[in-house]
Amino acid sequence: MVDFVLNAEVREDQGKGASRRLRREAGKVPAIVYGGAKNRKPQAITLAANELDKALQSEAFFSHVITLNVADKAEQVIIKDLQRHPAKPVIYHADFLRVTKSTVITKTVPLHFINEETCVGVKQQGGKITHNVADVQIKCTLSNLPEFIEVDMAEVEAGATLHLSDIALPKGVTLVQLALGADHDLAIASIAAKKASADDEAAAE
């Protein structure tokens, strides 16, 4: 498990003009942290752009609990939204949600396809793997939140297609799409069978 810690400052000046000045002159990213107990109010904060950029380089950052230090007080949060520049590697704004271990959240986590090189459909049958989905949306309590979900390709044969319902989910984790019904059981990966060559067809005849 990776531990993510971000240091923030309380933001007094708000508005588009103030946000632009923060990004351009101070190397800061405006953000907001909200949620938690019913009487907790959203709090405007700023983060060091280079610190946030470094954290964003890790895939796990998007599916992990983050310790956010604001005014000498540590809070447990998850990233809820990022507003990015459409063409440049610049973060305009970040949204964080306060959480506890019992908080039920909906989160997008990546799929890690394993044992592809030793897959029956590839190694023995000459097929080719195609990935249809790179991540999935899950629902679980914070204590059960996985950084990623593994999909074992070892025994998958050529010509087969894996669906969301074929994923072995961690304890306490459900797939949002499957909760919508069987017609939402999307294909996540498939193995195309090797095309027969002219020699193979001649031998078959």
N, C-alpha and C. Protein backbone atom coordinates (compact mmCIF):
# COMPACT_ATOMS: atom_id res chain seq x y z
N MET A 1 0.84 -1.19 0.00
CA MET A 1 0.00 0.00 0.00
C MET A 1 0.88 1.25 0.00
N VAL A 2 0.46 2.23 -0.79
CA VAL A 2 1.19 3.49 -0.87
C VAL A 2 0.50 4.50 0.04
N ASP A 3 1.29 5.26 0.79
CA ASP A 3 0.74 6.30 1.65
C ASP A 3 0.86 7.64 0.94
N PHE A 4 -0.27 8.30 0.74
CA PHE A 4 -0.28 9.61 0.09
C PHE A 4 -0.58 10.69 1.12
N VAL A 5 0.29 11.68 1.18
CA VAL A 5 0.11 12.80 2.11
C VAL A 5 0.25 14.10 1.32
N LEU A 6 -0.75 14.97 1.44
CA LEU A 6 -0.71 16.28 0.79
C LEU A 6 -0.85 17.37 1.86
N ASN A 7 -0.07 18.42 1.70
CA ASN A 7 -0.14 19.55 2.62
C ASN A 7 -0.88 20.70 1.96
N ALA A 8 -1.84 21.27 2.68
CA ALA A 8 -2.68 22.31 2.11
C ALA A 8 -2.73 23.53 3.03
N GLU A 9 -3.09 24.64 2.43
CA GLU A 9 -3.29 25.88 3.19
C GLU A 9 -4.73 26.35 2.99
N VAL A 10 -5.29 27.00 4.00
CA VAL A 10 -6.64 27.55 3.89
C VAL A 10 -6.61 28.69 2.88
N ARG A 11 -7.58 28.70 1.99
CA ARG A 11 -7.64 29.72 0.92
C ARG A 11 -8.67 30.78 1.29
N GLU A 12 -8.19 32.00 1.42
CA GLU A 12 -9.07 33.11 1.77
C GLU A 12 -9.65 33.77 0.52
N ASP A 13 -8.77 34.08 -0.45
CA ASP A 13 -9.22 34.73 -1.68
C ASP A 13 -9.83 33.70 -2.62
N GLN A 14 -11.04 33.98 -3.07
CA GLN A 14 -11.72 33.07 -3.98
C GLN A 14 -12.16 33.80 -5.23
N GLY A 15 -12.63 33.03 -6.20
CA GLY A 15 -13.01 33.62 -7.48
C GLY A 15 -12.03 33.25 -8.57
N LYS A 16 -12.44 33.45 -9.83
CA LYS A 16 -11.61 33.07 -10.96
C LYS A 16 -10.30 33.84 -11.01
N GLY A 17 -10.36 35.16 -10.72
CA GLY A 17 -9.14 35.97 -10.76
C GLY A 17 -8.13 35.52 -9.74
N ALA A 18 -8.59 35.26 -8.52
CA ALA A 18 -7.69 34.80 -7.46
C ALA A 18 -7.10 33.45 -7.80
N SER A 19 -7.90 32.56 -8.39
CA SER A 19 -7.41 31.22 -8.76
C SER A 19 -6.33 31.32 -9.83
N ARG A 20 -6.53 32.20 -10.80
CA ARG A 20 -5.52 32.37 -11.86
C ARG A 20 -4.21 32.87 -11.27
N ARG A 21 -4.29 33.82 -10.33
CA ARG A 21 -3.07 34.34 -9.71
C ARG A 21 -2.35 33.24 -8.92
N LEU A 22 -3.10 32.42 -8.24
CA LEU A 22 -2.49 31.32 -7.47
C LEU A 22 -1.71 30.38 -8.39
N ARG A 23 -2.33 30.02 -9.50
CA ARG A 23 -1.67 29.09 -10.42
C ARG A 23 -0.46 29.72 -11.10
N ARG A 24 -0.61 30.99 -11.51
CA ARG A 24 0.44 31.63 -12.31
C ARG A 24 1.60 32.14 -11.45
N GLU A 25 1.31 32.77 -10.32
CA GLU A 25 2.35 33.44 -9.55
C GLU A 25 2.88 32.62 -8.37
N ALA A 26 2.03 31.80 -7.77
CA ALA A 26 2.45 31.11 -6.55
C ALA A 26 2.68 29.61 -6.76
N GLY A 27 2.40 29.10 -7.94
CA GLY A 27 2.57 27.68 -8.18
C GLY A 27 1.63 26.84 -7.33
N LYS A 28 0.44 27.38 -7.10
CA LYS A 28 -0.54 26.70 -6.25
C LYS A 28 -1.73 26.21 -7.09
N VAL A 29 -2.42 25.21 -6.57
CA VAL A 29 -3.65 24.71 -7.19
C VAL A 29 -4.81 24.96 -6.24
N PRO A 30 -5.83 25.71 -6.63
CA PRO A 30 -7.00 25.88 -5.77
C PRO A 30 -7.77 24.58 -5.67
N ALA A 31 -8.35 24.32 -4.50
CA ALA A 31 -9.08 23.08 -4.28
C ALA A 31 -10.15 23.30 -3.22
N ILE A 32 -10.97 22.28 -3.03
CA ILE A 32 -11.99 22.33 -1.99
C ILE A 32 -12.12 20.94 -1.36
N VAL A 33 -12.36 20.91 -0.07
CA VAL A 33 -12.58 19.65 0.63
C VAL A 33 -13.96 19.75 1.28
N TYR A 34 -14.78 18.72 1.09
CA TYR A 34 -16.15 18.78 1.60
C TYR A 34 -16.57 17.40 2.11
N GLY A 35 -17.81 17.32 2.62
CA GLY A 35 -18.32 16.06 3.15
C GLY A 35 -18.00 15.90 4.63
N GLY A 36 -18.15 14.68 5.12
CA GLY A 36 -17.93 14.42 6.52
C GLY A 36 -19.22 14.57 7.32
N ALA A 37 -19.12 14.92 8.58
CA ALA A 37 -20.29 15.11 9.44
C ALA A 37 -21.21 16.18 8.84
N LYS A 38 -22.51 16.09 9.19
CA LYS A 38 -23.51 16.98 8.59
C LYS A 38 -23.23 18.45 8.84
N ASN A 39 -22.59 18.75 9.97
CA ASN A 39 -22.35 20.16 10.28
C ASN A 39 -21.01 20.66 9.73
N ARG A 40 -20.28 19.80 9.01
CA ARG A 40 -19.00 20.23 8.43
C ARG A 40 -19.26 21.04 7.17
N LYS A 41 -18.61 22.16 7.06
CA LYS A 41 -18.76 23.00 5.89
C LYS A 41 -17.63 22.74 4.91
N PRO A 42 -17.87 22.94 3.61
CA PRO A 42 -16.79 22.85 2.63
C PRO A 42 -15.71 23.87 2.96
N GLN A 43 -14.45 23.51 2.72
CA GLN A 43 -13.34 24.40 3.02
C GLN A 43 -12.49 24.61 1.78
N ALA A 44 -12.29 25.88 1.43
CA ALA A 44 -11.44 26.22 0.29
C ALA A 44 -9.97 26.16 0.72
N ILE A 45 -9.15 25.49 -0.09
CA ILE A 45 -7.74 25.30 0.23
C ILE A 45 -6.89 25.50 -1.01
N THR A 46 -5.58 25.52 -0.81
CA THR A 46 -4.63 25.50 -1.92
C THR A 46 -3.60 24.42 -1.68
N LEU A 47 -3.10 23.86 -2.77
CA LEU A 47 -2.07 22.83 -2.73
C LEU A 47 -0.89 23.27 -3.58
N ALA A 48 0.30 22.82 -3.21
CA ALA A 48 1.47 23.07 -4.05
C ALA A 48 1.33 22.26 -5.33
N ALA A 49 1.43 22.94 -6.48
CA ALA A 49 1.23 22.28 -7.76
C ALA A 49 2.21 21.13 -7.97
N ASN A 50 3.48 21.32 -7.60
CA ASN A 50 4.47 20.27 -7.82
C ASN A 50 4.22 19.05 -6.93
N GLU A 51 3.68 19.29 -5.74
CA GLU A 51 3.37 18.18 -4.84
C GLU A 51 2.19 17.36 -5.37
N LEU A 52 1.18 18.06 -5.87
CA LEU A 52 0.02 17.37 -6.44
C LEU A 52 0.40 16.64 -7.71
N ASP A 53 1.22 17.27 -8.56
CA ASP A 53 1.65 16.62 -9.81
C ASP A 53 2.40 15.33 -9.53
N LYS A 54 3.24 15.32 -8.51
CA LYS A 54 3.99 14.12 -8.16
C LYS A 54 3.06 13.00 -7.73
N ALA A 55 2.05 13.33 -6.93
CA ALA A 55 1.09 12.32 -6.47
C ALA A 55 0.29 11.76 -7.64
N LEU A 56 -0.05 12.61 -8.59
CA LEU A 56 -0.87 12.20 -9.72
C LEU A 56 -0.15 11.24 -10.66
N GLN A 57 1.17 11.15 -10.56
CA GLN A 57 1.92 10.23 -11.39
C GLN A 57 1.69 8.77 -11.00
N SER A 58 1.14 8.57 -9.81
CA SER A 58 0.85 7.21 -9.35
C SER A 58 -0.59 6.83 -9.65
N GLU A 59 -0.77 5.70 -10.29
CA GLU A 59 -2.11 5.21 -10.60
C GLU A 59 -2.94 5.03 -9.33
N ALA A 60 -2.29 4.62 -8.24
CA ALA A 60 -2.99 4.33 -6.99
C ALA A 60 -3.60 5.57 -6.34
N PHE A 61 -3.14 6.75 -6.71
CA PHE A 61 -3.63 7.99 -6.10
C PHE A 61 -5.14 8.13 -6.27
N PHE A 62 -5.67 7.65 -7.39
CA PHE A 62 -7.09 7.84 -7.69
C PHE A 62 -7.98 6.84 -6.98
N SER A 63 -7.43 5.80 -6.40
CA SER A 63 -8.23 4.80 -5.70
C SER A 63 -7.66 4.53 -4.32
N HIS A 64 -7.20 5.59 -3.68
CA HIS A 64 -6.52 5.44 -2.39
C HIS A 64 -6.95 6.55 -1.45
N VAL A 65 -6.92 6.24 -0.16
CA VAL A 65 -7.19 7.25 0.86
C VAL A 65 -5.98 8.17 0.99
N ILE A 66 -6.23 9.47 1.04
CA ILE A 66 -5.17 10.48 1.10
C ILE A 66 -5.24 11.19 2.45
N THR A 67 -4.08 11.38 3.07
CA THR A 67 -4.02 12.19 4.28
C THR A 67 -3.79 13.63 3.86
N LEU A 68 -4.76 14.48 4.16
CA LEU A 68 -4.69 15.89 3.78
C LEU A 68 -4.46 16.72 5.04
N ASN A 69 -3.30 17.37 5.10
CA ASN A 69 -2.96 18.21 6.25
C ASN A 69 -3.37 19.66 5.97
N VAL A 70 -4.38 20.13 6.71
CA VAL A 70 -4.88 21.49 6.54
C VAL A 70 -4.80 22.21 7.88
N ALA A 71 -3.98 23.27 7.92
CA ALA A 71 -3.85 24.07 9.15
C ALA A 71 -3.54 23.19 10.36
N ASP A 72 -2.55 22.33 10.20
CA ASP A 72 -2.07 21.45 11.28
C ASP A 72 -3.09 20.40 11.70
N LYS A 73 -4.11 20.16 10.88
CA LYS A 73 -5.09 19.13 11.17
C LYS A 73 -5.14 18.15 10.01
N ALA A 74 -5.01 16.85 10.34
CA ALA A 74 -5.00 15.81 9.31
C ALA A 74 -6.41 15.28 9.08
N GLU A 75 -6.78 15.18 7.81
CA GLU A 75 -8.08 14.63 7.45
C GLU A 75 -7.88 13.53 6.42
N GLN A 76 -8.75 12.50 6.48
CA GLN A 76 -8.72 11.43 5.50
C GLN A 76 -9.69 11.77 4.37
N VAL A 77 -9.18 11.80 3.15
CA VAL A 77 -9.99 12.21 2.00
C VAL A 77 -9.70 11.29 0.82
N ILE A 78 -10.57 11.38 -0.17
CA ILE A 78 -10.31 10.77 -1.47
C ILE A 78 -10.49 11.85 -2.53
N ILE A 79 -9.84 11.67 -3.67
CA ILE A 79 -9.99 12.62 -4.76
C ILE A 79 -11.32 12.35 -5.47
N LYS A 80 -12.12 13.39 -5.64
CA LYS A 80 -13.41 13.23 -6.30
C LYS A 80 -13.43 13.80 -7.71
N ASP A 81 -12.66 14.85 -7.95
CA ASP A 81 -12.70 15.45 -9.28
C ASP A 81 -11.46 16.29 -9.51
N LEU A 82 -11.01 16.31 -10.76
CA LEU A 82 -9.90 17.16 -11.18
C LEU A 82 -10.31 17.92 -12.42
N GLN A 83 -10.07 19.21 -12.42
CA GLN A 83 -10.30 20.01 -13.62
C GLN A 83 -8.95 20.33 -14.24
N ARG A 84 -8.76 19.87 -15.47
CA ARG A 84 -7.47 20.00 -16.14
C ARG A 84 -7.57 20.97 -17.32
N HIS A 85 -6.42 21.54 -17.67
CA HIS A 85 -6.32 22.34 -18.89
C HIS A 85 -6.51 21.40 -20.08
N PRO A 86 -7.28 21.79 -21.09
CA PRO A 86 -7.56 20.88 -22.21
C PRO A 86 -6.35 20.48 -23.04
N ALA A 87 -5.28 21.28 -23.00
CA ALA A 87 -4.12 20.98 -23.85
C ALA A 87 -2.80 20.90 -23.09
N LYS A 88 -2.72 21.54 -21.92
CA LYS A 88 -1.48 21.59 -21.16
C LYS A 88 -1.58 20.72 -19.89
N PRO A 89 -0.44 20.24 -19.39
CA PRO A 89 -0.45 19.45 -18.15
C PRO A 89 -0.61 20.33 -16.91
N VAL A 90 -1.74 21.03 -16.84
CA VAL A 90 -2.00 21.97 -15.75
C VAL A 90 -3.32 21.59 -15.07
N ILE A 91 -3.30 21.52 -13.74
CA ILE A 91 -4.51 21.27 -12.97
C ILE A 91 -5.14 22.59 -12.58
N TYR A 92 -6.39 22.80 -12.96
CA TYR A 92 -7.10 24.03 -12.63
C TYR A 92 -7.67 24.00 -11.22
N HIS A 93 -8.22 22.83 -10.84
CA HIS A 93 -8.92 22.75 -9.56
C HIS A 93 -9.04 21.29 -9.14
N ALA A 94 -9.07 21.04 -7.84
CA ALA A 94 -9.22 19.68 -7.31
C ALA A 94 -10.31 19.65 -6.25
N ASP A 95 -11.09 18.57 -6.24
CA ASP A 95 -12.13 18.36 -5.24
C ASP A 95 -11.78 17.14 -4.40
N PHE A 96 -11.86 17.28 -3.07
CA PHE A 96 -11.60 16.17 -2.16
C PHE A 96 -12.82 15.93 -1.29
N LEU A 97 -13.08 14.65 -0.98
CA LEU A 97 -14.21 14.27 -0.13
C LEU A 97 -13.68 13.68 1.18
N ARG A 98 -14.15 14.21 2.31
CA ARG A 98 -13.79 13.65 3.61
C ARG A 98 -14.44 12.28 3.78
N VAL A 99 -13.68 11.32 4.33
CA VAL A 99 -14.20 9.96 4.48
C VAL A 99 -13.77 9.36 5.81
N THR A 100 -14.47 8.28 6.19
CA THR A 100 -14.07 7.43 7.31
C THR A 100 -14.06 6.00 6.81
N LYS A 101 -13.62 5.07 7.65
CA LYS A 101 -13.55 3.67 7.24
C LYS A 101 -14.91 3.10 6.87
N SER A 102 -15.97 3.63 7.46
CA SER A 102 -17.31 3.11 7.20
C SER A 102 -18.02 3.82 6.05
N THR A 103 -17.39 4.83 5.48
CA THR A 103 -18.00 5.56 4.37
C THR A 103 -18.16 4.65 3.16
N VAL A 104 -19.38 4.60 2.61
CA VAL A 104 -19.63 3.85 1.38
C VAL A 104 -19.39 4.78 0.20
N ILE A 105 -18.50 4.37 -0.68
CA ILE A 105 -18.13 5.24 -1.80
C ILE A 105 -18.27 4.51 -3.13
N THR A 106 -18.44 5.29 -4.17
CA THR A 106 -18.40 4.78 -5.54
C THR A 106 -17.13 5.33 -6.17
N LYS A 107 -16.31 4.44 -6.69
CA LYS A 107 -14.98 4.85 -7.14
C LYS A 107 -14.58 4.07 -8.39
N THR A 108 -13.84 4.70 -9.27
CA THR A 108 -13.29 4.01 -10.45
C THR A 108 -11.89 3.50 -10.13
N VAL A 109 -11.68 2.20 -10.34
CA VAL A 109 -10.38 1.59 -10.08
C VAL A 109 -9.89 0.87 -11.34
N PRO A 110 -8.58 0.79 -11.53
CA PRO A 110 -8.05 0.15 -12.73
C PRO A 110 -8.10 -1.37 -12.67
N LEU A 111 -8.17 -1.99 -13.83
CA LEU A 111 -8.05 -3.44 -13.95
C LEU A 111 -6.61 -3.78 -14.29
N HIS A 112 -6.05 -4.78 -13.60
CA HIS A 112 -4.72 -5.29 -13.92
C HIS A 112 -4.88 -6.70 -14.47
N PHE A 113 -4.59 -6.88 -15.75
CA PHE A 113 -4.69 -8.19 -16.39
C PHE A 113 -3.38 -8.94 -16.16
N ILE A 114 -3.46 -10.10 -15.51
CA ILE A 114 -2.27 -10.86 -15.17
C ILE A 114 -2.22 -12.19 -15.93
N ASN A 115 -1.00 -12.77 -15.98
CA ASN A 115 -0.75 -14.07 -16.62
C ASN A 115 -1.11 -14.07 -18.11
N GLU A 116 -0.92 -12.95 -18.75
CA GLU A 116 -1.23 -12.88 -20.19
C GLU A 116 -0.21 -13.65 -21.04
N GLU A 117 1.05 -13.62 -20.62
CA GLU A 117 2.08 -14.29 -21.41
C GLU A 117 1.94 -15.81 -21.35
N THR A 118 1.40 -16.32 -20.26
CA THR A 118 1.23 -17.78 -20.11
C THR A 118 -0.21 -18.21 -20.38
N CYS A 119 -1.03 -17.30 -20.85
CA CYS A 119 -2.43 -17.58 -21.13
C CYS A 119 -2.57 -18.73 -22.13
N VAL A 120 -3.48 -19.67 -21.87
CA VAL A 120 -3.69 -20.82 -22.75
C VAL A 120 -4.02 -20.37 -24.16
N GLY A 121 -4.90 -19.39 -24.27
CA GLY A 121 -5.32 -18.93 -25.59
C GLY A 121 -4.23 -18.26 -26.39
N VAL A 122 -3.19 -17.77 -25.72
CA VAL A 122 -2.07 -17.11 -26.40
C VAL A 122 -0.90 -18.07 -26.59
N LYS A 123 -0.43 -18.66 -25.49
CA LYS A 123 0.78 -19.48 -25.54
C LYS A 123 0.58 -20.80 -26.29
N GLN A 124 -0.57 -21.43 -26.10
CA GLN A 124 -0.81 -22.73 -26.70
C GLN A 124 -1.63 -22.67 -27.99
N GLN A 125 -2.49 -21.66 -28.09
CA GLN A 125 -3.41 -21.62 -29.22
C GLN A 125 -3.15 -20.45 -30.17
N GLY A 126 -2.13 -19.64 -29.87
CA GLY A 126 -1.72 -18.59 -30.80
C GLY A 126 -2.67 -17.42 -30.95
N GLY A 127 -3.56 -17.21 -29.97
CA GLY A 127 -4.51 -16.11 -30.06
C GLY A 127 -3.89 -14.78 -29.65
N LYS A 128 -4.67 -13.73 -29.78
CA LYS A 128 -4.22 -12.39 -29.43
C LYS A 128 -5.24 -11.74 -28.49
N ILE A 129 -4.74 -11.17 -27.39
CA ILE A 129 -5.61 -10.56 -26.39
C ILE A 129 -5.97 -9.13 -26.77
N THR A 130 -7.23 -8.78 -26.60
CA THR A 130 -7.70 -7.42 -26.78
C THR A 130 -8.38 -6.97 -25.49
N HIS A 131 -7.99 -5.80 -24.98
CA HIS A 131 -8.61 -5.24 -23.78
C HIS A 131 -9.72 -4.27 -24.20
N ASN A 132 -10.90 -4.49 -23.71
CA ASN A 132 -12.03 -3.62 -24.01
C ASN A 132 -12.24 -2.56 -22.94
N VAL A 133 -11.81 -2.85 -21.72
CA VAL A 133 -12.03 -1.97 -20.57
C VAL A 133 -10.74 -1.85 -19.77
N ALA A 134 -10.39 -0.63 -19.37
CA ALA A 134 -9.17 -0.41 -18.59
C ALA A 134 -9.46 -0.24 -17.11
N ASP A 135 -10.68 0.17 -16.78
CA ASP A 135 -11.05 0.36 -15.37
C ASP A 135 -12.53 0.09 -15.18
N VAL A 136 -12.95 -0.04 -13.94
CA VAL A 136 -14.35 -0.31 -13.63
C VAL A 136 -14.80 0.57 -12.46
N GLN A 137 -16.08 0.79 -12.37
CA GLN A 137 -16.63 1.56 -11.27
C GLN A 137 -17.16 0.60 -10.20
N ILE A 138 -16.68 0.77 -8.98
CA ILE A 138 -17.05 -0.12 -7.90
C ILE A 138 -17.75 0.64 -6.78
N LYS A 139 -18.39 -0.13 -5.89
CA LYS A 139 -19.03 0.44 -4.71
C LYS A 139 -18.63 -0.41 -3.51
N CYS A 140 -18.16 0.25 -2.44
CA CYS A 140 -17.72 -0.47 -1.25
C CYS A 140 -17.50 0.52 -0.12
N THR A 141 -17.26 -0.01 1.07
CA THR A 141 -16.86 0.86 2.18
C THR A 141 -15.39 1.21 1.99
N LEU A 142 -14.98 2.28 2.62
CA LEU A 142 -13.60 2.72 2.49
C LEU A 142 -12.62 1.65 2.95
N SER A 143 -12.98 0.89 3.99
CA SER A 143 -12.08 -0.13 4.51
C SER A 143 -11.85 -1.27 3.53
N ASN A 144 -12.74 -1.43 2.54
CA ASN A 144 -12.61 -2.49 1.55
C ASN A 144 -12.13 -1.98 0.19
N LEU A 145 -11.76 -0.71 0.11
CA LEU A 145 -11.38 -0.11 -1.17
C LEU A 145 -10.07 -0.69 -1.70
N PRO A 146 -10.10 -1.36 -2.87
CA PRO A 146 -8.86 -1.88 -3.47
C PRO A 146 -8.18 -0.82 -4.33
N GLU A 147 -6.87 -0.91 -4.46
CA GLU A 147 -6.15 0.02 -5.34
C GLU A 147 -6.38 -0.37 -6.80
N PHE A 148 -6.57 -1.66 -7.05
CA PHE A 148 -6.84 -2.16 -8.39
C PHE A 148 -7.51 -3.52 -8.25
N ILE A 149 -8.03 -4.05 -9.35
CA ILE A 149 -8.65 -5.37 -9.37
C ILE A 149 -7.95 -6.21 -10.42
N GLU A 150 -7.53 -7.41 -10.03
CA GLU A 150 -6.83 -8.30 -10.95
C GLU A 150 -7.81 -9.15 -11.75
N VAL A 151 -7.45 -9.36 -13.02
CA VAL A 151 -8.19 -10.26 -13.89
C VAL A 151 -7.20 -11.31 -14.38
N ASP A 152 -7.40 -12.54 -13.94
CA ASP A 152 -6.46 -13.62 -14.26
C ASP A 152 -6.80 -14.21 -15.63
N MET A 153 -5.85 -14.09 -16.58
CA MET A 153 -6.07 -14.57 -17.95
C MET A 153 -5.49 -15.96 -18.19
N ALA A 154 -4.93 -16.59 -17.18
CA ALA A 154 -4.17 -17.84 -17.35
C ALA A 154 -4.93 -18.93 -18.10
N GLU A 155 -6.18 -19.17 -17.76
CA GLU A 155 -6.93 -20.29 -18.31
C GLU A 155 -7.89 -19.90 -19.44
N VAL A 156 -7.84 -18.66 -19.88
CA VAL A 156 -8.75 -18.22 -20.92
C VAL A 156 -8.29 -18.73 -22.29
N GLU A 157 -9.21 -19.33 -23.04
CA GLU A 157 -8.87 -19.93 -24.33
C GLU A 157 -9.16 -18.98 -25.49
N ALA A 158 -8.55 -19.29 -26.62
CA ALA A 158 -8.76 -18.49 -27.82
C ALA A 158 -10.23 -18.55 -28.21
N GLY A 159 -10.76 -17.41 -28.63
CA GLY A 159 -12.16 -17.33 -29.01
C GLY A 159 -13.09 -16.93 -27.87
N ALA A 160 -12.54 -16.89 -26.64
CA ALA A 160 -13.36 -16.57 -25.47
C ALA A 160 -13.40 -15.08 -25.21
N THR A 161 -14.47 -14.64 -24.55
CA THR A 161 -14.64 -13.25 -24.15
C THR A 161 -14.96 -13.21 -22.66
N LEU A 162 -14.24 -12.38 -21.93
CA LEU A 162 -14.51 -12.19 -20.51
C LEU A 162 -15.42 -10.98 -20.32
N HIS A 163 -16.35 -11.12 -19.37
CA HIS A 163 -17.27 -10.04 -19.06
C HIS A 163 -17.09 -9.56 -17.63
N LEU A 164 -17.76 -8.49 -17.27
CA LEU A 164 -17.69 -7.98 -15.90
C LEU A 164 -18.02 -9.05 -14.88
N SER A 165 -18.99 -9.90 -15.19
CA SER A 165 -19.41 -10.94 -14.26
C SER A 165 -18.35 -12.01 -14.05
N ASP A 166 -17.31 -12.03 -14.88
CA ASP A 166 -16.23 -13.01 -14.73
C ASP A 166 -15.14 -12.53 -13.78
N ILE A 167 -15.20 -11.28 -13.36
CA ILE A 167 -14.18 -10.73 -12.47
C ILE A 167 -14.35 -11.28 -11.06
N ALA A 168 -13.26 -11.77 -10.47
CA ALA A 168 -13.26 -12.21 -9.07
C ALA A 168 -13.07 -10.97 -8.20
N LEU A 169 -14.14 -10.51 -7.58
CA LEU A 169 -14.10 -9.27 -6.83
C LEU A 169 -13.59 -9.48 -5.40
N PRO A 170 -12.88 -8.51 -4.85
CA PRO A 170 -12.47 -8.58 -3.45
C PRO A 170 -13.70 -8.55 -2.53
N LYS A 171 -13.51 -8.97 -1.31
CA LYS A 171 -14.60 -9.00 -0.33
C LYS A 171 -15.20 -7.61 -0.14
N GLY A 172 -16.53 -7.56 -0.14
CA GLY A 172 -17.22 -6.30 0.14
C GLY A 172 -17.28 -5.34 -1.02
N VAL A 173 -16.86 -5.77 -2.22
CA VAL A 173 -16.83 -4.89 -3.39
C VAL A 173 -17.87 -5.35 -4.41
N THR A 174 -18.65 -4.42 -4.93
CA THR A 174 -19.61 -4.73 -5.98
C THR A 174 -19.34 -3.84 -7.19
N LEU A 175 -19.76 -4.29 -8.36
CA LEU A 175 -19.60 -3.52 -9.58
C LEU A 175 -20.88 -2.73 -9.85
N VAL A 176 -20.74 -1.45 -10.05
CA VAL A 176 -21.89 -0.57 -10.27
C VAL A 176 -22.66 -0.99 -11.51
N GLN A 177 -21.97 -1.34 -12.57
CA GLN A 177 -22.63 -1.70 -13.83
C GLN A 177 -23.51 -2.93 -13.67
N LEU A 178 -23.02 -3.95 -12.96
CA LEU A 178 -23.79 -5.19 -12.81
C LEU A 178 -25.05 -4.96 -11.99
N ALA A 179 -25.02 -3.99 -11.10
CA ALA A 179 -26.19 -3.70 -10.28
C ALA A 179 -27.33 -3.13 -11.14
N LEU A 180 -27.02 -2.70 -12.35
CA LEU A 180 -28.02 -2.12 -13.25
C LEU A 180 -28.74 -3.18 -14.06
N GLY A 181 -28.26 -4.43 -14.00
CA GLY A 181 -28.92 -5.51 -14.74
C GLY A 181 -27.98 -6.27 -15.65
N ALA A 182 -28.46 -7.44 -16.10
CA ALA A 182 -27.63 -8.34 -16.92
C ALA A 182 -27.20 -7.72 -18.24
N ASP A 183 -28.01 -6.80 -18.77
CA ASP A 183 -27.66 -6.19 -20.06
C ASP A 183 -26.51 -5.20 -19.94
N HIS A 184 -26.04 -4.97 -18.70
CA HIS A 184 -24.89 -4.09 -18.48
C HIS A 184 -23.61 -4.89 -18.20
N ASP A 185 -23.67 -6.20 -18.45
CA ASP A 185 -22.51 -7.07 -18.24
C ASP A 185 -21.55 -6.93 -19.42
N LEU A 186 -20.78 -5.87 -19.41
CA LEU A 186 -19.94 -5.51 -20.54
C LEU A 186 -18.75 -6.46 -20.71
N ALA A 187 -18.29 -6.60 -21.95
CA ALA A 187 -17.07 -7.36 -22.24
C ALA A 187 -15.87 -6.55 -21.78
N ILE A 188 -14.92 -7.21 -21.10
CA ILE A 188 -13.73 -6.50 -20.63
C ILE A 188 -12.48 -6.92 -21.39
N ALA A 189 -12.47 -8.14 -21.94
CA ALA A 189 -11.30 -8.61 -22.70
C ALA A 189 -11.71 -9.82 -23.54
N SER A 190 -11.00 -10.03 -24.60
CA SER A 190 -11.27 -11.18 -25.46
C SER A 190 -9.97 -11.68 -26.06
N ILE A 191 -9.99 -12.93 -26.52
CA ILE A 191 -8.82 -13.51 -27.19
C ILE A 191 -9.24 -13.95 -28.58
N ALA A 192 -8.74 -13.24 -29.58
CA ALA A 192 -9.06 -13.58 -30.96
C ALA A 192 -8.30 -14.83 -31.37
N ALA A 193 -9.00 -15.78 -31.97
CA ALA A 193 -8.37 -17.02 -32.40
C ALA A 193 -7.41 -16.75 -33.55
N LYS A 194 -6.37 -17.52 -33.61
CA LYS A 194 -5.38 -17.38 -34.68
C LYS A 194 -6.01 -17.70 -36.02
N LYS A 195 -5.78 -16.84 -37.01
CA LYS A 195 -6.32 -17.07 -38.33
C LYS A 195 -5.60 -18.23 -39.01
N ALA A 196 -6.39 -19.09 -39.65
CA ALA A 196 -5.80 -20.26 -40.30
C ALA A 196 -5.04 -19.82 -41.55
N SER A 197 -3.84 -20.38 -41.72
CA SER A 197 -3.02 -20.08 -42.90
C SER A 197 -3.45 -20.97 -44.04
N ALA A 198 -2.95 -20.71 -45.24
CA ALA A 198 -3.27 -21.53 -46.41
C ALA A 198 -2.80 -22.96 -46.18
N ASP A 199 -1.63 -23.14 -45.53
CA ASP A 199 -1.13 -24.48 -45.26
C ASP A 199 -2.04 -25.23 -44.29
N ASP A 200 -2.55 -24.50 -43.29
CA ASP A 200 -3.44 -25.13 -42.33
C ASP A 200 -4.72 -25.57 -42.98
N GLU A 201 -5.26 -24.74 -43.90
CA GLU A 201 -6.49 -25.11 -44.59
C GLU A 201 -6.28 -26.29 -45.50
N ALA A 202 -5.11 -26.35 -46.15
CA ALA A 202 -4.82 -27.45 -47.03
C ALA A 202 -4.70 -28.75 -46.23
N ALA A 203 -4.06 -28.66 -45.07
CA ALA A 203 -3.90 -29.84 -44.24
C ALA A 203 -5.24 -30.33 -43.74
N ALA A 204 -6.15 -29.39 -43.44
CA ALA A 204 -7.47 -29.77 -42.95
C ALA A 204 -8.26 -30.49 -44.03
N GLU A 205 -8.12 -30.02 -45.28
CA GLU A 205 -8.80 -30.68 -46.39
C GLU A 205 -8.24 -32.07 -46.63
